[in-house]
Protein backbone atom coordinates (compact mmCIF):
# COMPACT_ATOMS: atom_id res chain seq x y z
CA LEU A 1 1.13 -12.17 -42.68
CA SER A 2 -1.42 -13.36 -40.44
CA TRP A 3 -3.67 -11.87 -37.56
CA ALA A 4 -4.25 -12.86 -34.17
CA GLU A 5 -6.54 -11.88 -31.50
CA ALA A 6 -4.75 -9.66 -29.05
CA ASP A 7 -4.54 -10.61 -25.21
CA ALA A 8 -6.34 -7.99 -23.40
CA GLY A 9 -4.59 -9.14 -20.18
CA GLY A 10 -5.88 -7.76 -16.88
CA THR A 11 -8.09 -8.63 -14.23
CA SER A 12 -11.09 -11.17 -14.87
CA TRP A 13 -13.60 -10.27 -12.70
CA GLN A 14 -15.95 -12.66 -10.94
CA ALA A 15 -19.51 -12.20 -9.90
CA VAL A 16 -20.04 -11.21 -6.42
CA ILE A 17 -19.12 -13.86 -3.86
CA THR A 18 -20.97 -14.15 -0.21
CA SER A 19 -19.70 -17.27 1.18
CA GLY A 20 -16.04 -18.47 1.33
CA THR A 21 -14.40 -20.29 -1.44
CA THR A 22 -11.38 -22.51 -2.17
CA ALA A 23 -11.36 -21.75 -6.03
CA ALA A 24 -9.36 -18.21 -6.13
CA THR A 25 -7.81 -18.32 -9.61
CA ALA A 26 -4.78 -16.42 -10.68
CA GLY A 27 -5.71 -13.53 -12.84
CA ASN A 28 -9.31 -13.11 -10.97
CA GLY A 29 -10.63 -10.37 -9.43
CA TYR A 30 -13.40 -10.81 -6.72
CA PHE A 31 -16.16 -8.72 -5.22
CA CYS A 32 -16.50 -10.11 -1.65
CA ASN A 33 -19.70 -9.40 0.04
CA THR A 34 -19.35 -10.08 3.75
CA THR A 35 -22.75 -8.24 4.87
CA ALA A 36 -23.98 -11.74 6.07
CA GLY A 37 -20.70 -12.51 7.86
CA ALA A 38 -17.10 -13.13 7.66
CA ILE A 39 -15.71 -15.17 4.63
CA THR A 40 -12.45 -16.48 3.58
CA LEU A 41 -11.18 -16.36 0.17
CA THR A 42 -8.33 -19.10 -0.71
CA LEU A 43 -5.42 -18.30 -2.59
CA PRO A 44 -4.21 -20.55 -5.17
CA SER A 45 -2.22 -23.83 -4.09
CA SER A 46 0.26 -23.86 -6.47
CA PRO A 47 1.24 -19.98 -7.80
CA THR A 48 4.16 -19.13 -10.23
CA ILE A 49 6.09 -15.78 -10.04
CA GLY A 50 3.79 -13.01 -11.00
CA ASP A 51 0.30 -14.56 -10.46
CA GLU A 52 -2.05 -12.04 -9.06
CA VAL A 53 -5.27 -12.01 -7.07
CA SER A 54 -7.62 -9.33 -6.58
CA PHE A 55 -10.46 -8.44 -3.95
CA ILE A 56 -12.57 -5.75 -3.29
CA ASP A 57 -14.84 -5.24 -0.16
CA TYR A 58 -18.41 -5.05 -1.98
CA ALA A 59 -20.55 -3.64 0.59
CA GLY A 60 -18.06 -1.84 2.70
CA THR A 61 -18.60 -4.47 5.66
CA PHE A 62 -14.98 -5.76 5.84
CA ASP A 63 -14.45 -3.54 9.23
CA THR A 64 -17.68 -5.67 10.80
CA ASN A 65 -17.50 -8.58 9.12
CA ASN A 66 -13.92 -9.41 8.14
CA LEU A 67 -12.25 -11.07 4.88
CA THR A 68 -9.85 -13.56 5.30
CA ILE A 69 -7.03 -14.66 2.65
CA GLY A 70 -6.58 -18.14 3.21
CA ARG A 71 -2.62 -18.44 2.31
CA ASN A 72 -2.99 -22.11 1.12
CA SER A 73 0.27 -22.97 2.40
CA GLU A 74 2.11 -20.35 0.64
CA LYS A 75 3.58 -17.17 2.75
CA ILE A 76 1.91 -13.79 2.74
CA ASN A 77 4.14 -10.60 3.10
CA GLY A 78 6.82 -13.17 4.28
CA SER A 79 4.60 -14.81 7.28
CA ALA A 80 3.19 -17.98 7.21
CA ALA A 81 -0.09 -17.00 8.51
CA ASP A 82 -3.33 -15.92 6.91
CA LEU A 83 -4.48 -12.49 5.88
CA THR A 84 -7.10 -10.47 7.88
CA VAL A 85 -8.81 -7.68 6.05
CA ALA A 86 -11.03 -5.44 8.76
CA THR A 87 -10.47 -2.21 6.39
CA GLU A 88 -14.29 -1.09 5.07
CA ARG A 89 -14.03 -0.55 1.39
CA ALA A 90 -10.75 -2.31 1.48
CA ALA A 91 -9.26 -3.11 -2.49
CA ASN A 92 -5.92 -5.18 -2.90
CA THR A 93 -4.09 -7.13 -5.14
CA LEU A 94 -1.60 -9.85 -4.02
CA VAL A 95 1.33 -11.05 -6.55
CA TYR A 96 2.99 -14.11 -5.86
CA THR A 97 6.86 -13.71 -5.60
CA ASP A 98 8.25 -16.83 -4.38
CA GLY A 99 8.60 -19.30 -1.39
CA THR A 100 10.37 -16.79 0.83
CA GLN A 101 8.46 -14.11 0.62
CA GLY A 102 4.91 -15.53 -1.13
CA TRP A 103 2.25 -13.63 -1.83
CA LEU A 104 2.62 -9.55 -1.37
CA LEU A 105 0.56 -6.53 -2.02
CA LYS A 106 0.79 -4.63 -4.62
CA SER A 107 0.02 -0.94 -4.93
CA ASN A 108 -2.98 -0.47 -7.23
């Protein structure tokens, strides 16, 4: 009989970001502050099924300074286009499915 630390799972929330990043990592959540201007959060380049990335409108400014989710060559909701988030206080999680649909919005 041996004991091991259980994996807590869940989202690993990162410090607030205020500028674009190409370093989004599966399993991470990002507080995105667009007060000073629009920013881009680029998704991982080689996702696998079930990978998740979350984001939250930190300052309630996505409606005036949008967040762009860079698709990094994978589709988002079946479309070969980046996702623009323009809803104040938006909070979403994207989960990767496959090459056909790519990243899909997950109900929180």
